[in-house]
Amino acid sequence: MKAILRKLLVGLIAAATIAAAAGVLVVSAGFALYALVRDPLGPAGAAAVVALAAAILAALTAFIFERWAQGSKSAKVDEEPDLVQKLITMVKERPIVSAAGLIGAATLAIRNPAITAIVVKAFLDPKRPPSKKAK
């Protein structure tokens, strides 16, 4: 009985340590991101970028835990929805997060047109088929 309690206590301490380290990591990454984009975007723009990054991190975490909670119960769909359908679904389900993301992206696009050009080029360039090498 004593060994079980000891293992449980060690596991709880390890989980708390990992959670604390993850919190420090997220806060440090937020400060680093703010410092990185403060000069080109200004303090308000940098704060918006950090808030957008935090919202994206929260959404990804929620998505991962939702998928994990569903497990094998979810029915497999034959056809995977494309990016536009996924975005429309996300906007319908989470309009406030979508609006915040749009405001952050618009601020970033207005303040830094070079990044906007890179993103637009990445989406508009035709995809090259994978080359087949002859052996």
N, C-alpha and C. Protein backbone atom coordinates (compact mmCIF):
# COMPACT_ATOMS: atom_id res chain seq x y z
N MET A 1 0.82 -1.19 0.00
CA MET A 1 0.00 0.00 0.00
C MET A 1 0.87 1.25 0.00
N LYS A 2 1.94 1.21 0.77
CA LYS A 2 2.83 2.35 0.86
C LYS A 2 3.51 2.62 -0.49
N ALA A 3 3.85 1.56 -1.21
CA ALA A 3 4.51 1.71 -2.51
C ALA A 3 3.56 2.34 -3.53
N ILE A 4 2.30 1.98 -3.47
CA ILE A 4 1.32 2.54 -4.40
C ILE A 4 1.15 4.04 -4.15
N LEU A 5 1.04 4.43 -2.88
CA LEU A 5 0.91 5.84 -2.55
C LEU A 5 2.16 6.62 -2.94
N ARG A 6 3.31 6.00 -2.76
CA ARG A 6 4.56 6.65 -3.15
C ARG A 6 4.61 6.89 -4.65
N LYS A 7 4.23 5.87 -5.44
CA LYS A 7 4.22 6.03 -6.90
C LYS A 7 3.21 7.09 -7.33
N LEU A 8 2.05 7.11 -6.68
CA LEU A 8 1.03 8.10 -6.99
C LEU A 8 1.54 9.50 -6.68
N LEU A 9 2.19 9.68 -5.54
CA LEU A 9 2.72 10.98 -5.14
C LEU A 9 3.82 11.43 -6.11
N VAL A 10 4.71 10.53 -6.47
CA VAL A 10 5.78 10.87 -7.41
C VAL A 10 5.18 11.24 -8.77
N GLY A 11 4.16 10.52 -9.19
CA GLY A 11 3.50 10.85 -10.46
C GLY A 11 2.84 12.21 -10.42
N LEU A 12 2.17 12.53 -9.32
CA LEU A 12 1.55 13.85 -9.19
C LEU A 12 2.58 14.97 -9.17
N ILE A 13 3.69 14.74 -8.49
CA ILE A 13 4.76 15.75 -8.47
C ILE A 13 5.35 15.93 -9.85
N ALA A 14 5.55 14.84 -10.56
CA ALA A 14 6.09 14.93 -11.92
C ALA A 14 5.11 15.67 -12.84
N ALA A 15 3.82 15.39 -12.72
CA ALA A 15 2.82 16.07 -13.55
C ALA A 15 2.78 17.56 -13.22
N ALA A 16 2.85 17.92 -11.96
CA ALA A 16 2.85 19.33 -11.57
C ALA A 16 4.10 20.04 -12.08
N THR A 17 5.24 19.37 -12.03
CA THR A 17 6.48 19.95 -12.52
C THR A 17 6.41 20.18 -14.03
N ILE A 18 5.89 19.21 -14.74
CA ILE A 18 5.75 19.34 -16.19
C ILE A 18 4.77 20.47 -16.53
N ALA A 19 3.67 20.57 -15.81
CA ALA A 19 2.70 21.64 -16.05
C ALA A 19 3.31 23.01 -15.77
N ALA A 20 4.08 23.12 -14.70
CA ALA A 20 4.73 24.40 -14.39
C ALA A 20 5.75 24.76 -15.46
N ALA A 21 6.52 23.78 -15.91
CA ALA A 21 7.50 24.04 -16.96
C ALA A 21 6.82 24.45 -18.26
N ALA A 22 5.69 23.82 -18.58
CA ALA A 22 4.95 24.20 -19.79
C ALA A 22 4.42 25.62 -19.67
N GLY A 23 3.95 26.01 -18.49
CA GLY A 23 3.49 27.38 -18.28
C GLY A 23 4.60 28.40 -18.46
N VAL A 24 5.76 28.10 -17.90
CA VAL A 24 6.91 28.99 -18.07
C VAL A 24 7.31 29.06 -19.53
N LEU A 25 7.25 27.95 -20.23
CA LEU A 25 7.59 27.92 -21.65
C LEU A 25 6.64 28.80 -22.45
N VAL A 26 5.35 28.71 -22.19
CA VAL A 26 4.37 29.49 -22.94
C VAL A 26 4.56 30.99 -22.66
N VAL A 27 4.77 31.36 -21.40
CA VAL A 27 4.97 32.77 -21.06
C VAL A 27 6.26 33.29 -21.69
N SER A 28 7.32 32.52 -21.62
CA SER A 28 8.59 32.93 -22.23
C SER A 28 8.47 33.07 -23.74
N ALA A 29 7.76 32.15 -24.37
CA ALA A 29 7.56 32.24 -25.81
C ALA A 29 6.73 33.48 -26.16
N GLY A 30 5.77 33.82 -25.32
CA GLY A 30 4.98 35.03 -25.55
C GLY A 30 5.84 36.29 -25.47
N PHE A 31 6.70 36.37 -24.46
CA PHE A 31 7.60 37.51 -24.34
C PHE A 31 8.56 37.58 -25.53
N ALA A 32 9.09 36.44 -25.95
CA ALA A 32 10.02 36.42 -27.07
C ALA A 32 9.32 36.85 -28.36
N LEU A 33 8.10 36.37 -28.57
CA LEU A 33 7.35 36.77 -29.77
C LEU A 33 7.06 38.27 -29.74
N TYR A 34 6.70 38.79 -28.58
CA TYR A 34 6.44 40.23 -28.45
C TYR A 34 7.70 41.03 -28.79
N ALA A 35 8.83 40.62 -28.25
CA ALA A 35 10.09 41.33 -28.51
C ALA A 35 10.47 41.25 -29.98
N LEU A 36 10.16 40.13 -30.61
CA LEU A 36 10.51 39.93 -32.01
C LEU A 36 9.72 40.84 -32.93
N VAL A 37 8.44 41.02 -32.66
CA VAL A 37 7.60 41.79 -33.58
C VAL A 37 7.29 43.20 -33.09
N ARG A 38 7.85 43.61 -31.94
CA ARG A 38 7.57 44.95 -31.41
C ARG A 38 8.11 46.04 -32.31
N ASP A 39 9.32 45.90 -32.84
CA ASP A 39 9.91 46.95 -33.66
C ASP A 39 9.16 47.14 -34.98
N PRO A 40 8.88 46.07 -35.75
CA PRO A 40 8.18 46.32 -37.02
C PRO A 40 6.70 46.67 -36.86
N LEU A 41 6.04 46.18 -35.82
CA LEU A 41 4.60 46.38 -35.69
C LEU A 41 4.21 47.40 -34.63
N GLY A 42 5.10 47.76 -33.74
CA GLY A 42 4.76 48.65 -32.64
C GLY A 42 4.20 47.85 -31.48
N PRO A 43 4.06 48.48 -30.33
CA PRO A 43 3.58 47.76 -29.14
C PRO A 43 2.19 47.17 -29.29
N ALA A 44 1.26 47.92 -29.88
CA ALA A 44 -0.11 47.40 -30.02
C ALA A 44 -0.17 46.23 -31.00
N GLY A 45 0.53 46.35 -32.10
CA GLY A 45 0.56 45.26 -33.07
C GLY A 45 1.23 44.02 -32.51
N ALA A 46 2.30 44.22 -31.75
CA ALA A 46 2.99 43.08 -31.14
C ALA A 46 2.09 42.39 -30.12
N ALA A 47 1.35 43.18 -29.35
CA ALA A 47 0.41 42.59 -28.39
C ALA A 47 -0.68 41.81 -29.12
N ALA A 48 -1.13 42.33 -30.26
CA ALA A 48 -2.15 41.62 -31.05
C ALA A 48 -1.61 40.30 -31.57
N VAL A 49 -0.37 40.30 -32.01
CA VAL A 49 0.24 39.06 -32.52
C VAL A 49 0.37 38.03 -31.40
N VAL A 50 0.79 38.47 -30.22
CA VAL A 50 0.92 37.56 -29.08
C VAL A 50 -0.46 37.01 -28.69
N ALA A 51 -1.48 37.86 -28.70
CA ALA A 51 -2.84 37.40 -28.38
C ALA A 51 -3.33 36.40 -29.42
N LEU A 52 -3.04 36.67 -30.69
CA LEU A 52 -3.42 35.74 -31.76
C LEU A 52 -2.72 34.40 -31.58
N ALA A 53 -1.43 34.44 -31.26
CA ALA A 53 -0.69 33.19 -31.04
C ALA A 53 -1.27 32.41 -29.87
N ALA A 54 -1.65 33.12 -28.81
CA ALA A 54 -2.25 32.44 -27.66
C ALA A 54 -3.60 31.83 -28.03
N ALA A 55 -4.38 32.54 -28.83
CA ALA A 55 -5.67 32.00 -29.26
C ALA A 55 -5.49 30.77 -30.13
N ILE A 56 -4.51 30.81 -31.02
CA ILE A 56 -4.23 29.65 -31.87
C ILE A 56 -3.78 28.47 -31.02
N LEU A 57 -2.91 28.72 -30.04
CA LEU A 57 -2.45 27.66 -29.15
C LEU A 57 -3.61 27.05 -28.38
N ALA A 58 -4.51 27.90 -27.88
CA ALA A 58 -5.68 27.41 -27.14
C ALA A 58 -6.60 26.59 -28.05
N ALA A 59 -6.81 27.06 -29.27
CA ALA A 59 -7.66 26.34 -30.21
C ALA A 59 -7.06 24.98 -30.57
N LEU A 60 -5.75 24.96 -30.82
CA LEU A 60 -5.10 23.68 -31.14
C LEU A 60 -5.16 22.71 -29.97
N THR A 61 -4.95 23.22 -28.76
CA THR A 61 -5.03 22.37 -27.58
C THR A 61 -6.43 21.81 -27.41
N ALA A 62 -7.43 22.66 -27.58
CA ALA A 62 -8.82 22.20 -27.47
C ALA A 62 -9.13 21.17 -28.54
N PHE A 63 -8.66 21.40 -29.75
CA PHE A 63 -8.89 20.46 -30.85
C PHE A 63 -8.25 19.11 -30.55
N ILE A 64 -7.02 19.13 -30.05
CA ILE A 64 -6.32 17.87 -29.75
C ILE A 64 -7.03 17.10 -28.65
N PHE A 65 -7.43 17.81 -27.57
CA PHE A 65 -8.13 17.12 -26.48
C PHE A 65 -9.51 16.64 -26.90
N GLU A 66 -10.17 17.39 -27.79
CA GLU A 66 -11.47 16.94 -28.28
C GLU A 66 -11.32 15.64 -29.08
N ARG A 67 -10.32 15.59 -29.95
CA ARG A 67 -10.08 14.38 -30.74
C ARG A 67 -9.68 13.22 -29.83
N TRP A 68 -8.89 13.50 -28.82
CA TRP A 68 -8.45 12.47 -27.90
C TRP A 68 -9.62 11.93 -27.10
N ALA A 69 -10.54 12.83 -26.69
CA ALA A 69 -11.70 12.41 -25.91
C ALA A 69 -12.66 11.56 -26.74
N GLN A 70 -12.77 11.86 -28.03
CA GLN A 70 -13.66 11.08 -28.90
C GLN A 70 -13.13 9.68 -29.11
N GLY A 71 -11.83 9.55 -29.21
CA GLY A 71 -11.21 8.24 -29.39
C GLY A 71 -11.68 7.55 -30.65
N SER A 72 -11.94 6.26 -30.55
CA SER A 72 -12.35 5.49 -31.71
C SER A 72 -13.85 5.52 -31.93
N LYS A 73 -14.60 6.27 -31.10
CA LYS A 73 -16.04 6.34 -31.24
C LYS A 73 -16.46 7.12 -32.48
N SER A 74 -15.63 8.08 -32.89
CA SER A 74 -16.01 8.92 -34.03
C SER A 74 -16.03 8.10 -35.31
N ALA A 75 -17.02 8.37 -36.14
CA ALA A 75 -17.14 7.67 -37.42
C ALA A 75 -16.15 8.26 -38.40
N LYS A 76 -15.52 7.40 -39.15
CA LYS A 76 -14.55 7.85 -40.13
C LYS A 76 -15.29 8.35 -41.37
N VAL A 77 -14.90 9.52 -41.83
CA VAL A 77 -15.51 10.10 -43.03
C VAL A 77 -14.68 9.65 -44.22
N ASP A 78 -15.39 9.25 -45.29
CA ASP A 78 -14.68 8.77 -46.48
C ASP A 78 -13.89 9.89 -47.14
N GLU A 79 -14.49 11.06 -47.20
CA GLU A 79 -13.85 12.17 -47.90
C GLU A 79 -13.44 13.24 -46.90
N GLU A 80 -12.19 13.62 -46.95
CA GLU A 80 -11.66 14.65 -46.05
C GLU A 80 -12.09 16.02 -46.57
N PRO A 81 -12.68 16.88 -45.70
CA PRO A 81 -13.08 18.21 -46.17
C PRO A 81 -11.86 19.05 -46.52
N ASP A 82 -12.00 19.92 -47.53
CA ASP A 82 -10.87 20.74 -47.93
C ASP A 82 -10.72 21.93 -46.98
N LEU A 83 -9.69 22.72 -47.20
CA LEU A 83 -9.35 23.80 -46.30
C LEU A 83 -10.47 24.83 -46.17
N VAL A 84 -11.11 25.16 -47.28
CA VAL A 84 -12.17 26.15 -47.25
C VAL A 84 -13.35 25.66 -46.40
N GLN A 85 -13.72 24.40 -46.55
CA GLN A 85 -14.81 23.85 -45.75
C GLN A 85 -14.46 23.84 -44.26
N LYS A 86 -13.22 23.53 -43.94
CA LYS A 86 -12.78 23.55 -42.54
C LYS A 86 -12.86 24.97 -41.97
N LEU A 87 -12.42 25.96 -42.76
CA LEU A 87 -12.46 27.34 -42.30
C LEU A 87 -13.90 27.82 -42.10
N ILE A 88 -14.80 27.46 -43.02
CA ILE A 88 -16.20 27.86 -42.89
C ILE A 88 -16.81 27.23 -41.64
N THR A 89 -16.51 25.98 -41.40
CA THR A 89 -17.01 25.30 -40.21
C THR A 89 -16.48 25.96 -38.94
N MET A 90 -15.19 26.31 -38.94
CA MET A 90 -14.60 26.95 -37.77
C MET A 90 -15.24 28.32 -37.51
N VAL A 91 -15.49 29.09 -38.58
CA VAL A 91 -16.10 30.40 -38.42
C VAL A 91 -17.52 30.27 -37.86
N LYS A 92 -18.26 29.25 -38.31
CA LYS A 92 -19.61 29.04 -37.80
C LYS A 92 -19.60 28.62 -36.34
N GLU A 93 -18.65 27.77 -35.95
CA GLU A 93 -18.60 27.25 -34.59
C GLU A 93 -17.99 28.22 -33.59
N ARG A 94 -17.00 28.98 -34.02
CA ARG A 94 -16.29 29.89 -33.12
C ARG A 94 -16.13 31.27 -33.78
N PRO A 95 -17.20 32.05 -33.82
CA PRO A 95 -17.12 33.33 -34.53
C PRO A 95 -16.22 34.35 -33.84
N ILE A 96 -16.16 34.35 -32.52
CA ILE A 96 -15.34 35.35 -31.82
C ILE A 96 -13.86 35.08 -32.05
N VAL A 97 -13.46 33.82 -31.95
CA VAL A 97 -12.06 33.46 -32.19
C VAL A 97 -11.70 33.75 -33.65
N SER A 98 -12.62 33.48 -34.56
CA SER A 98 -12.37 33.75 -35.97
C SER A 98 -12.22 35.24 -36.23
N ALA A 99 -13.06 36.04 -35.60
CA ALA A 99 -12.97 37.50 -35.77
C ALA A 99 -11.64 38.02 -35.21
N ALA A 100 -11.24 37.51 -34.05
CA ALA A 100 -9.96 37.93 -33.48
C ALA A 100 -8.80 37.53 -34.38
N GLY A 101 -8.86 36.34 -34.94
CA GLY A 101 -7.82 35.90 -35.87
C GLY A 101 -7.78 36.77 -37.12
N LEU A 102 -8.95 37.13 -37.63
CA LEU A 102 -9.02 37.98 -38.81
C LEU A 102 -8.46 39.37 -38.52
N ILE A 103 -8.78 39.92 -37.35
CA ILE A 103 -8.25 41.24 -36.99
C ILE A 103 -6.73 41.18 -36.84
N GLY A 104 -6.23 40.13 -36.20
CA GLY A 104 -4.78 39.99 -36.06
C GLY A 104 -4.09 39.82 -37.40
N ALA A 105 -4.67 39.00 -38.28
CA ALA A 105 -4.08 38.79 -39.60
C ALA A 105 -4.12 40.07 -40.43
N ALA A 106 -5.23 40.82 -40.34
CA ALA A 106 -5.33 42.08 -41.08
C ALA A 106 -4.31 43.09 -40.57
N THR A 107 -4.13 43.16 -39.25
CA THR A 107 -3.14 44.07 -38.68
C THR A 107 -1.74 43.70 -39.16
N LEU A 108 -1.44 42.43 -39.13
CA LEU A 108 -0.13 41.96 -39.60
C LEU A 108 0.05 42.24 -41.08
N ALA A 109 -1.00 42.04 -41.88
CA ALA A 109 -0.92 42.27 -43.33
C ALA A 109 -0.71 43.75 -43.64
N ILE A 110 -1.39 44.61 -42.90
CA ILE A 110 -1.25 46.05 -43.15
C ILE A 110 0.12 46.55 -42.72
N ARG A 111 0.60 46.06 -41.59
CA ARG A 111 1.88 46.54 -41.07
C ARG A 111 3.09 45.96 -41.79
N ASN A 112 2.96 44.76 -42.35
CA ASN A 112 4.10 44.11 -42.98
C ASN A 112 3.66 43.48 -44.31
N PRO A 113 3.68 44.24 -45.39
CA PRO A 113 3.23 43.71 -46.68
C PRO A 113 4.12 42.60 -47.23
N ALA A 114 5.38 42.53 -46.80
CA ALA A 114 6.27 41.48 -47.30
C ALA A 114 5.78 40.10 -46.88
N ILE A 115 5.33 39.98 -45.63
CA ILE A 115 4.80 38.69 -45.15
C ILE A 115 3.52 38.36 -45.90
N THR A 116 2.68 39.37 -46.16
CA THR A 116 1.45 39.14 -46.91
C THR A 116 1.76 38.63 -48.30
N ALA A 117 2.76 39.21 -48.95
CA ALA A 117 3.13 38.77 -50.30
C ALA A 117 3.62 37.33 -50.28
N ILE A 118 4.39 36.96 -49.27
CA ILE A 118 4.89 35.58 -49.18
C ILE A 118 3.74 34.60 -49.00
N VAL A 119 2.79 34.94 -48.13
CA VAL A 119 1.65 34.04 -47.88
C VAL A 119 0.78 33.91 -49.13
N VAL A 120 0.50 35.03 -49.78
CA VAL A 120 -0.32 34.99 -51.00
C VAL A 120 0.37 34.18 -52.07
N LYS A 121 1.66 34.37 -52.23
CA LYS A 121 2.42 33.61 -53.23
C LYS A 121 2.39 32.11 -52.93
N ALA A 122 2.48 31.76 -51.67
CA ALA A 122 2.46 30.35 -51.29
C ALA A 122 1.12 29.70 -51.65
N PHE A 123 0.02 30.45 -51.50
CA PHE A 123 -1.28 29.88 -51.82
C PHE A 123 -1.60 29.91 -53.31
N LEU A 124 -1.06 30.88 -54.03
CA LEU A 124 -1.42 31.02 -55.44
C LEU A 124 -0.49 30.27 -56.39
N ASP A 125 0.72 29.95 -55.94
CA ASP A 125 1.63 29.20 -56.82
C ASP A 125 1.07 27.82 -57.09
N PRO A 126 1.15 27.37 -58.35
CA PRO A 126 0.65 26.02 -58.64
C PRO A 126 1.53 24.97 -57.97
N LYS A 127 0.89 23.92 -57.55
CA LYS A 127 1.62 22.83 -56.90
C LYS A 127 2.30 21.98 -57.98
N ARG A 128 3.53 21.67 -57.74
CA ARG A 128 4.26 20.81 -58.66
C ARG A 128 4.03 19.36 -58.28
N PRO A 129 3.76 18.49 -59.26
CA PRO A 129 3.64 17.07 -58.91
C PRO A 129 4.99 16.52 -58.49
N PRO A 130 5.00 15.55 -57.57
CA PRO A 130 6.29 14.98 -57.14
C PRO A 130 7.00 14.33 -58.31
N SER A 131 8.29 14.59 -58.38
CA SER A 131 9.06 14.04 -59.49
C SER A 131 9.37 12.57 -59.22
N LYS A 132 9.29 11.78 -60.29
CA LYS A 132 9.60 10.36 -60.17
C LYS A 132 10.99 10.14 -60.74
N LYS A 133 11.86 9.65 -59.88
CA LYS A 133 13.25 9.41 -60.29
C LYS A 133 13.35 8.00 -60.85
N ALA A 134 13.97 7.90 -62.01
CA ALA A 134 14.18 6.59 -62.63
C ALA A 134 15.41 5.94 -62.03
N LYS A 135 15.30 4.69 -61.74
CA LYS A 135 16.44 3.98 -61.13
C LYS A 135 17.15 3.17 -62.16
